[in-house]
Amino acid sequence: MTAPKRVRWNCPHGCPGILASTRPPKDSIERYCLPCSAKTGRLVLRVVPALERKRAAAAVSSAAKAKSKRATAARARQRAKDAEVERYSVHGVDLRDEMKKLLALKAFGGKSGRLFRRPPKLVISRRTKYPRSRLGFAEPWANRITLATWPRQDLDGALHTLVHELTHIVVGAQPGAAKWHGPLFQQTLRAALKEAYGDTQVYKTDDDGAYWTTNGGLRDYAAARKAAAATA
C-alpha cells in the first residue's frame, strides 16, 4: 500500500515545521501553529511553500489562458465586424453610414420626418456580377430597402440607387399607371439628389424605373469618398 503524500507545513513566524498530508481537515491542528496561536491569541495558520508555488504557477497559467481566450474572442469579433462592414461597403464606403446622412435630408422631411424617426432596414443582396433585373427595390409596407452589390460596382451608381429606394419609402405608391415612379417620386428624387450631391438630372419616367444622368456632383462625391476610404 502506497503511503499518502506528505508535505512540510511551516509556521509563518519561523517555528519548526511539521510533516502532514497535503489536505488535512480544516479543523486539524496540523494546519495551525499552536505555540504561536497561544502567544498571539489568534489562530496562526501554517503554510506549505511547495503548494503555494504550485498555486501561484497555476494562477499564472490560468491568467495566461484566460488572456489568450479573450484575445481569440476579440479577434473573432473583429473578423465578424469586418465581414459585416465589407458586406455593406462599396469601394470601402459603408452604405449604412451614407444612409444615415441621407435620412436627415430636408427633401425627405428632415430630422422631424418619418424617415429619420423610423429608419428603414437596409438589406444587401450580394451578386457575383451585374444584376440582370433590379439594382434594388423598396418595400414601404415593411419599411425595408434592398440594394444589390457586385464586384467592380460603381460607387456613384450604388449611392444613386440608395437615394432612389429611400425616395420610395418616403413617397410610397401613388395613384395612376406609373404608381411607383410618378411625378411626386421624380420631384422628391430630384430634390434629394440636388440637396445631397448637387445632382438634378433625372429623365425617362416610367414604372420600370427612372433612368438618370448626373451633372458631376454625385460622381465627384463618390470619387472623394473612394479616395478617402483607400487612404484610411
C-alpha atoms as a PDB file:
ATOM      1  CA  MET A   1       0.000   0.000   0.000  1.00  0.00           C
ATOM      2  CA  THR A   2       1.385   3.402  -1.004  1.00  0.00           C
ATOM      3  CA  ALA A   3       1.785   5.854   1.844  1.00  0.00           C
ATOM      4  CA  PRO A   4      -0.108   9.152   1.450  1.00  0.00           C
ATOM      5  CA  LYS A   5       1.977  12.053   0.216  1.00  0.00           C
ATOM      6  CA  ARG A   6       3.230  14.300   2.994  1.00  0.00           C
ATOM      7  CA  VAL A   7       4.482  17.861   2.761  1.00  0.00           C
ATOM      8  CA  ARG A   8       6.078  20.266   5.193  1.00  0.00           C
ATOM      9  CA  TRP A   9       3.813  22.827   6.835  1.00  0.00           C
ATOM     10  CA  ASN A  10       5.771  25.835   8.055  1.00  0.00           C
ATOM     11  CA  CYS A  11       4.850  28.453  10.597  1.00  0.00           C
ATOM     12  CA  PRO A  12       4.971  31.981   9.139  1.00  0.00           C
ATOM     13  CA  HIS A  13       6.744  33.142  12.336  1.00  0.00           C
ATOM     14  CA  GLY A  14       9.659  30.763  11.866  1.00  0.00           C
ATOM     15  CA  CYS A  15       8.700  27.996  14.284  1.00  0.00           C
ATOM     16  CA  PRO A  16       9.767  24.477  13.295  1.00  0.00           C
ATOM     17  CA  GLY A  17       7.521  22.981  10.620  1.00  0.00           C
ATOM     18  CA  ILE A  18       5.802  19.615  10.605  1.00  0.00           C
ATOM     19  CA  LEU A  19       5.139  16.948   8.009  1.00  0.00           C
ATOM     20  CA  ALA A  20       1.483  16.383   7.271  1.00  0.00           C
ATOM     21  CA  SER A  21      -0.799  15.402   4.425  1.00  0.00           C
ATOM     22  CA  THR A  22      -1.422  17.826   1.593  1.00  0.00           C
ATOM     23  CA  ARG A  23      -5.064  18.271   2.602  1.00  0.00           C
ATOM     24  CA  PRO A  24      -5.621  17.804   6.325  1.00  0.00           C
ATOM     25  CA  PRO A  25      -9.148  18.568   7.630  1.00  0.00           C
ATOM     26  CA  LYS A  26      -9.876  22.238   8.138  1.00  0.00           C
ATOM     27  CA  ASP A  27     -10.122  21.792  11.894  1.00  0.00           C
ATOM     28  CA  SER A  28      -6.927  19.702  12.115  1.00  0.00           C
ATOM     29  CA  ILE A  29      -4.262  21.046  14.466  1.00  0.00           C
ATOM     30  CA  GLU A  30      -1.735  20.217  11.741  1.00  0.00           C
ATOM     31  CA  ARG A  31      -2.884  23.368   9.973  1.00  0.00           C
ATOM     32  CA  TYR A  32      -2.101  25.638  12.912  1.00  0.00           C
ATOM     33  CA  CYS A  33       0.961  26.530  14.934  1.00  0.00           C
ATOM     34  CA  LEU A  34      -0.368  26.127  18.453  1.00  0.00           C
ATOM     35  CA  PRO A  35       2.547  27.867  20.310  1.00  0.00           C
ATOM     36  CA  CYS A  36       2.219  30.979  18.139  1.00  0.00           C
ATOM     37  CA  SER A  37      -1.560  30.846  18.409  1.00  0.00           C
ATOM     38  CA  ALA A  38      -1.281  30.776  22.191  1.00  0.00           C
ATOM     39  CA  LYS A  39       1.097  33.766  22.148  1.00  0.00           C
ATOM     40  CA  THR A  40      -0.941  35.941  19.792  1.00  0.00           C
ATOM     41  CA  GLY A  41      -4.382  34.917  20.962  1.00  0.00           C
ATOM     42  CA  ARG A  42      -5.330  34.192  17.349  1.00  0.00           C
ATOM     43  CA  LEU A  43      -5.044  31.061  15.258  1.00  0.00           C
ATOM     44  CA  VAL A  44      -1.795  31.132  13.261  1.00  0.00           C
ATOM     45  CA  LEU A  45      -2.181  29.176  10.044  1.00  0.00           C
ATOM     46  CA  ARG A  46       0.756  27.175   8.763  1.00  0.00           C
ATOM     47  CA  VAL A  47       1.618  27.348   5.068  1.00  0.00           C
ATOM     48  CA  VAL A  48       3.082  24.877   2.580  1.00  0.00           C
ATOM     49  CA  PRO A  49       5.675  26.618   0.350  1.00  0.00           C
ATOM     50  CA  ALA A  50       5.588  23.839  -2.245  1.00  0.00           C
ATOM     51  CA  LEU A  51       1.811  24.074  -2.572  1.00  0.00           C
ATOM     52  CA  GLU A  52       1.938  27.880  -2.640  1.00  0.00           C
ATOM     53  CA  ARG A  53       4.398  27.767  -5.523  1.00  0.00           C
ATOM     54  CA  LYS A  54       2.125  25.366  -7.401  1.00  0.00           C
ATOM     55  CA  ARG A  55      -0.909  27.592  -6.769  1.00  0.00           C
ATOM     56  CA  ALA A  56       0.999  30.655  -7.949  1.00  0.00           C
ATOM     57  CA  ALA A  57       2.128  28.844 -11.111  1.00  0.00           C
ATOM     58  CA  ALA A  58      -1.424  27.606 -11.713  1.00  0.00           C
ATOM     59  CA  ALA A  59      -2.765  31.150 -11.282  1.00  0.00           C
ATOM     60  CA  VAL A  60      -0.241  32.495 -13.794  1.00  0.00           C
ATOM     61  CA  SER A  61      -1.103  29.717 -16.244  1.00  0.00           C
ATOM     62  CA  SER A  62      -4.838  30.296 -15.770  1.00  0.00           C
ATOM     63  CA  ALA A  63      -4.438  34.038 -16.303  1.00  0.00           C
ATOM     64  CA  ALA A  64      -2.417  33.425 -19.478  1.00  0.00           C
ATOM     65  CA  LYS A  65      -5.064  31.033 -20.808  1.00  0.00           C
ATOM     66  CA  ALA A  66      -7.836  33.491 -19.986  1.00  0.00           C
ATOM     67  CA  LYS A  67      -5.930  36.301 -21.725  1.00  0.00           C
ATOM     68  CA  SER A  68      -5.373  34.118 -24.789  1.00  0.00           C
ATOM     69  CA  LYS A  69      -9.054  33.185 -24.818  1.00  0.00           C
ATOM     70  CA  ARG A  70     -10.098  36.826 -24.603  1.00  0.00           C
ATOM     71  CA  ALA A  71      -7.703  37.727 -27.405  1.00  0.00           C
ATOM     72  CA  THR A  72      -9.071  34.922 -29.585  1.00  0.00           C
ATOM     73  CA  ALA A  73     -12.644  36.048 -28.891  1.00  0.00           C
ATOM     74  CA  ALA A  74     -11.709  39.660 -29.662  1.00  0.00           C
ATOM     75  CA  ARG A  75     -10.155  38.635 -32.982  1.00  0.00           C
ATOM     76  CA  ALA A  76     -13.266  36.623 -33.837  1.00  0.00           C
ATOM     77  CA  ARG A  77     -15.492  39.607 -33.028  1.00  0.00           C
ATOM     78  CA  GLN A  78     -13.290  41.892 -35.120  1.00  0.00           C
ATOM     79  CA  ARG A  79     -13.382  39.457 -38.056  1.00  0.00           C
ATOM     80  CA  ALA A  80     -17.166  39.305 -37.808  1.00  0.00           C
ATOM     81  CA  LYS A  81     -17.357  43.097 -37.628  1.00  0.00           C
ATOM     82  CA  ASP A  82     -15.007  43.485 -40.598  1.00  0.00           C
ATOM     83  CA  ALA A  83     -17.055  40.957 -42.581  1.00  0.00           C
ATOM     84  CA  GLU A  84     -20.251  42.867 -41.806  1.00  0.00           C
ATOM     85  CA  VAL A  85     -18.687  46.173 -42.822  1.00  0.00           C
ATOM     86  CA  GLU A  86     -17.379  44.561 -46.007  1.00  0.00           C
ATOM     87  CA  ARG A  87     -20.860  43.259 -46.797  1.00  0.00           C
ATOM     88  CA  TYR A  88     -22.336  46.757 -46.638  1.00  0.00           C
ATOM     89  CA  SER A  89     -19.434  48.506 -48.370  1.00  0.00           C
ATOM     90  CA  VAL A  90     -18.787  49.530 -51.952  1.00  0.00           C
ATOM     91  CA  HIS A  91     -15.217  50.652 -52.675  1.00  0.00           C
ATOM     92  CA  GLY A  92     -14.586  50.798 -48.931  1.00  0.00           C
ATOM     93  CA  VAL A  93     -17.551  53.112 -48.258  1.00  0.00           C
ATOM     94  CA  ASP A  94     -20.119  51.775 -45.793  1.00  0.00           C
ATOM     95  CA  LEU A  95     -23.563  52.326 -47.292  1.00  0.00           C
ATOM     96  CA  ARG A  96     -25.078  52.324 -43.795  1.00  0.00           C
ATOM     97  CA  ASP A  97     -23.108  55.473 -42.972  1.00  0.00           C
ATOM     98  CA  GLU A  98     -24.229  57.088 -46.206  1.00  0.00           C
ATOM     99  CA  MET A  99     -27.849  56.184 -45.489  1.00  0.00           C
ATOM    100  CA  LYS A 100     -27.669  57.835 -42.047  1.00  0.00           C
ATOM    101  CA  LYS A 101     -26.682  61.093 -43.749  1.00  0.00           C
ATOM    102  CA  LEU A 102     -29.461  60.825 -46.323  1.00  0.00           C
ATOM    103  CA  LEU A 103     -32.159  60.201 -43.732  1.00  0.00           C
ATOM    104  CA  ALA A 104     -31.868  63.807 -42.498  1.00  0.00           C
ATOM    105  CA  LEU A 105     -32.341  65.413 -45.936  1.00  0.00           C
ATOM    106  CA  LYS A 106     -34.955  68.156 -45.996  1.00  0.00           C
ATOM    107  CA  ALA A 107     -36.257  66.562 -49.190  1.00  0.00           C
ATOM    108  CA  PHE A 108     -37.134  63.518 -47.073  1.00  0.00           C
ATOM    109  CA  GLY A 109     -38.703  65.522 -44.262  1.00  0.00           C
ATOM    110  CA  GLY A 110     -35.595  66.391 -42.269  1.00  0.00           C
ATOM    111  CA  LYS A 111     -34.979  65.248 -38.713  1.00  0.00           C
ATOM    112  CA  SER A 112     -38.643  65.635 -37.861  1.00  0.00           C
ATOM    113  CA  GLY A 113     -39.714  63.453 -40.762  1.00  0.00           C
ATOM    114  CA  ARG A 114     -40.882  59.861 -40.536  1.00  0.00           C
ATOM    115  CA  LEU A 115     -37.866  58.558 -42.461  1.00  0.00           C
ATOM    116  CA  PHE A 116     -35.420  59.971 -39.901  1.00  0.00           C
ATOM    117  CA  ARG A 117     -37.528  58.907 -36.929  1.00  0.00           C
ATOM    118  CA  ARG A 118     -38.128  55.401 -38.316  1.00  0.00           C
ATOM    119  CA  PRO A 119     -35.144  54.491 -40.500  1.00  0.00           C
ATOM    120  CA  PRO A 120     -35.809  51.611 -42.883  1.00  0.00           C
ATOM    121  CA  LYS A 121     -33.871  48.395 -42.657  1.00  0.00           C
ATOM    122  CA  LEU A 122     -31.092  48.146 -45.243  1.00  0.00           C
ATOM    123  CA  VAL A 123     -30.637  44.707 -46.788  1.00  0.00           C
ATOM    124  CA  ILE A 124     -27.721  43.869 -49.085  1.00  0.00           C
ATOM    125  CA  SER A 125     -28.165  41.331 -51.879  1.00  0.00           C
ATOM    126  CA  ARG A 126     -24.708  40.099 -52.862  1.00  0.00           C
ATOM    127  CA  ARG A 127     -24.318  39.251 -56.555  1.00  0.00           C
ATOM    128  CA  THR A 128     -21.414  37.806 -58.483  1.00  0.00           C
ATOM    129  CA  LYS A 129     -21.977  40.114 -61.461  1.00  0.00           C
ATOM    130  CA  TYR A 130     -24.124  42.998 -62.658  1.00  0.00           C
ATOM    131  CA  PRO A 131     -27.776  42.122 -61.910  1.00  0.00           C
ATOM    132  CA  ARG A 132     -29.975  41.211 -64.833  1.00  0.00           C
ATOM    133  CA  SER A 133     -33.017  42.820 -63.252  1.00  0.00           C
ATOM    134  CA  ARG A 134     -33.342  45.325 -60.422  1.00  0.00           C
ATOM    135  CA  LEU A 135     -30.406  47.096 -58.795  1.00  0.00           C
ATOM    136  CA  GLY A 136     -32.559  47.498 -55.718  1.00  0.00           C
ATOM    137  CA  PHE A 137     -36.128  47.616 -54.504  1.00  0.00           C
ATOM    138  CA  ALA A 138     -38.126  49.131 -51.687  1.00  0.00           C
ATOM    139  CA  GLU A 139     -40.891  47.679 -49.531  1.00  0.00           C
ATOM    140  CA  PRO A 140     -42.608  50.641 -47.875  1.00  0.00           C
ATOM    141  CA  TRP A 141     -45.100  48.355 -46.139  1.00  0.00           C
ATOM    142  CA  ALA A 142     -42.189  46.588 -44.395  1.00  0.00           C
ATOM    143  CA  ASN A 143     -40.051  49.742 -44.026  1.00  0.00           C
ATOM    144  CA  ARG A 144     -37.193  47.958 -45.798  1.00  0.00           C
ATOM    145  CA  ILE A 145     -34.941  48.561 -48.795  1.00  0.00           C
ATOM    146  CA  THR A 146     -32.735  46.079 -50.608  1.00  0.00           C
ATOM    147  CA  LEU A 147     -29.655  47.009 -52.624  1.00  0.00           C
ATOM    148  CA  ALA A 148     -27.705  44.729 -54.930  1.00  0.00           C
ATOM    149  CA  THR A 149     -23.913  44.809 -54.734  1.00  0.00           C
ATOM    150  CA  TRP A 150     -21.424  43.105 -57.036  1.00  0.00           C
ATOM    151  CA  PRO A 151     -17.683  43.169 -57.816  1.00  0.00           C
ATOM    152  CA  ARG A 152     -16.392  46.312 -59.549  1.00  0.00           C
ATOM    153  CA  GLN A 153     -19.643  48.161 -58.833  1.00  0.00           C
ATOM    154  CA  ASP A 154     -19.510  51.951 -59.275  1.00  0.00           C
ATOM    155  CA  LEU A 155     -19.965  53.837 -56.019  1.00  0.00           C
ATOM    156  CA  ASP A 156     -21.935  56.653 -57.611  1.00  0.00           C
ATOM    157  CA  GLY A 157     -24.383  54.086 -59.016  1.00  0.00           C
ATOM    158  CA  ALA A 158     -24.769  52.446 -55.604  1.00  0.00           C
ATOM    159  CA  LEU A 159     -25.415  55.820 -53.954  1.00  0.00           C
ATOM    160  CA  HIS A 160     -27.970  56.781 -56.582  1.00  0.00           C
ATOM    161  CA  THR A 161     -29.784  53.504 -56.055  1.00  0.00           C
ATOM    162  CA  LEU A 162     -29.741  54.121 -52.314  1.00  0.00           C
ATOM    163  CA  VAL A 163     -31.355  57.563 -52.765  1.00  0.00           C
ATOM    164  CA  HIS A 164     -33.798  56.050 -55.237  1.00  0.00           C
ATOM    165  CA  GLU A 165     -35.017  53.380 -52.819  1.00  0.00           C
ATOM    166  CA  LEU A 166     -35.190  55.781 -49.873  1.00  0.00           C
ATOM    167  CA  THR A 167     -37.390  58.001 -52.033  1.00  0.00           C
ATOM    168  CA  HIS A 168     -39.750  55.049 -52.492  1.00  0.00           C
ATOM    169  CA  ILE A 169     -40.003  54.674 -48.713  1.00  0.00           C
ATOM    170  CA  VAL A 170     -40.848  58.368 -48.359  1.00  0.00           C
ATOM    171  CA  VAL A 171     -43.299  58.580 -51.252  1.00  0.00           C
ATOM    172  CA  GLY A 172     -44.765  55.083 -51.427  1.00  0.00           C
ATOM    173  CA  ALA A 173     -47.033  54.011 -54.268  1.00  0.00           C
ATOM    174  CA  GLN A 174     -49.019  56.762 -55.983  1.00  0.00           C
ATOM    175  CA  PRO A 175     -52.266  56.522 -57.969  1.00  0.00           C
ATOM    176  CA  GLY A 176     -52.007  56.159 -61.706  1.00  0.00           C
ATOM    177  CA  ALA A 177     -50.291  53.969 -64.271  1.00  0.00           C
ATOM    178  CA  ALA A 178     -46.805  54.981 -63.139  1.00  0.00           C
ATOM    179  CA  LYS A 179     -47.657  54.449 -59.486  1.00  0.00           C
ATOM    180  CA  TRP A 180     -44.067  53.849 -58.367  1.00  0.00           C
ATOM    181  CA  HIS A 181     -42.226  56.431 -60.458  1.00  0.00           C
ATOM    182  CA  GLY A 182     -44.803  59.155 -60.882  1.00  0.00           C
ATOM    183  CA  PRO A 183     -44.394  62.950 -60.660  1.00  0.00           C
ATOM    184  CA  LEU A 184     -44.175  63.053 -56.854  1.00  0.00           C
ATOM    185  CA  PHE A 185     -41.464  60.394 -56.860  1.00  0.00           C
ATOM    186  CA  GLN A 186     -39.484  62.229 -59.555  1.00  0.00           C
ATOM    187  CA  GLN A 187     -39.834  65.559 -57.758  1.00  0.00           C
ATOM    188  CA  THR A 188     -38.664  64.093 -54.444  1.00  0.00           C
ATOM    189  CA  LEU A 189     -35.803  62.194 -56.057  1.00  0.00           C
ATOM    190  CA  ARG A 190     -34.541  65.291 -57.859  1.00  0.00           C
ATOM    191  CA  ALA A 191     -34.717  67.336 -54.668  1.00  0.00           C
ATOM    192  CA  ALA A 192     -32.872  64.668 -52.673  1.00  0.00           C
ATOM    193  CA  LEU A 193     -30.100  64.264 -55.261  1.00  0.00           C
ATOM    194  CA  LYS A 194     -29.670  68.018 -55.539  1.00  0.00           C
ATOM    195  CA  GLU A 195     -29.572  68.508 -51.760  1.00  0.00           C
ATOM    196  CA  ALA A 196     -27.197  65.605 -51.096  1.00  0.00           C
ATOM    197  CA  TYR A 197     -24.869  65.788 -54.089  1.00  0.00           C
ATOM    198  CA  GLY A 198     -25.797  68.758 -56.270  1.00  0.00           C
ATOM    199  CA  ASP A 199     -27.227  66.443 -58.956  1.00  0.00           C
ATOM    200  CA  THR A 200     -30.540  67.296 -60.596  1.00  0.00           C
ATOM    201  CA  GLN A 201     -30.857  65.482 -63.922  1.00  0.00           C
ATOM    202  CA  VAL A 202     -33.343  62.610 -63.898  1.00  0.00           C
ATOM    203  CA  TYR A 203     -35.218  61.631 -67.009  1.00  0.00           C
ATOM    204  CA  LYS A 204     -37.309  58.947 -68.771  1.00  0.00           C
ATOM    205  CA  THR A 205     -40.036  58.473 -66.211  1.00  0.00           C
ATOM    206  CA  ASP A 206     -41.937  55.206 -66.377  1.00  0.00           C
ATOM    207  CA  ASP A 207     -42.943  52.474 -63.953  1.00  0.00           C
ATOM    208  CA  ASP A 208     -39.979  50.313 -64.929  1.00  0.00           C
ATOM    209  CA  GLY A 209     -37.584  52.782 -63.367  1.00  0.00           C
ATOM    210  CA  ALA A 210     -36.135  56.254 -63.540  1.00  0.00           C
ATOM    211  CA  TYR A 211     -33.013  56.403 -65.664  1.00  0.00           C
ATOM    212  CA  TRP A 212     -30.574  59.105 -64.755  1.00  0.00           C
ATOM    213  CA  THR A 213     -27.513  61.169 -65.552  1.00  0.00           C
ATOM    214  CA  THR A 214     -25.602  63.476 -63.238  1.00  0.00           C
ATOM    215  CA  ASN A 215     -24.043  66.901 -63.551  1.00  0.00           C
ATOM    216  CA  GLY A 216     -20.913  65.632 -61.820  1.00  0.00           C
ATOM    217  CA  GLY A 217     -21.824  66.270 -58.193  1.00  0.00           C
ATOM    218  CA  LEU A 218     -22.520  62.653 -57.334  1.00  0.00           C
ATOM    219  CA  ARG A 219     -19.536  61.403 -59.337  1.00  0.00           C
ATOM    220  CA  ASP A 220     -17.234  63.885 -57.617  1.00  0.00           C
ATOM    221  CA  TYR A 221     -18.583  62.963 -54.188  1.00  0.00           C
ATOM    222  CA  ALA A 222     -18.173  59.248 -54.916  1.00  0.00           C
ATOM    223  CA  ALA A 223     -14.611  59.778 -56.140  1.00  0.00           C
ATOM    224  CA  ALA A 224     -13.724  61.724 -52.989  1.00  0.00           C
ATOM    225  CA  ARG A 225     -15.246  59.078 -50.707  1.00  0.00           C
ATOM    226  CA  LYS A 226     -13.410  56.302 -52.554  1.00  0.00           C
ATOM    227  CA  ALA A 227     -10.116  58.162 -52.214  1.00  0.00           C
ATOM    228  CA  ALA A 228     -10.685  58.782 -48.510  1.00  0.00           C
ATOM    229  CA  ALA A 229     -11.593  55.117 -47.910  1.00  0.00           C
ATOM    230  CA  ALA A 230      -8.494  53.946 -49.800  1.00  0.00           C
ATOM    231  CA  THR A 231      -6.181  56.019 -47.599  1.00  0.00           C
ATOM    232  CA  ALA A 232      -7.967  55.305 -44.275  1.00  0.00           C
END
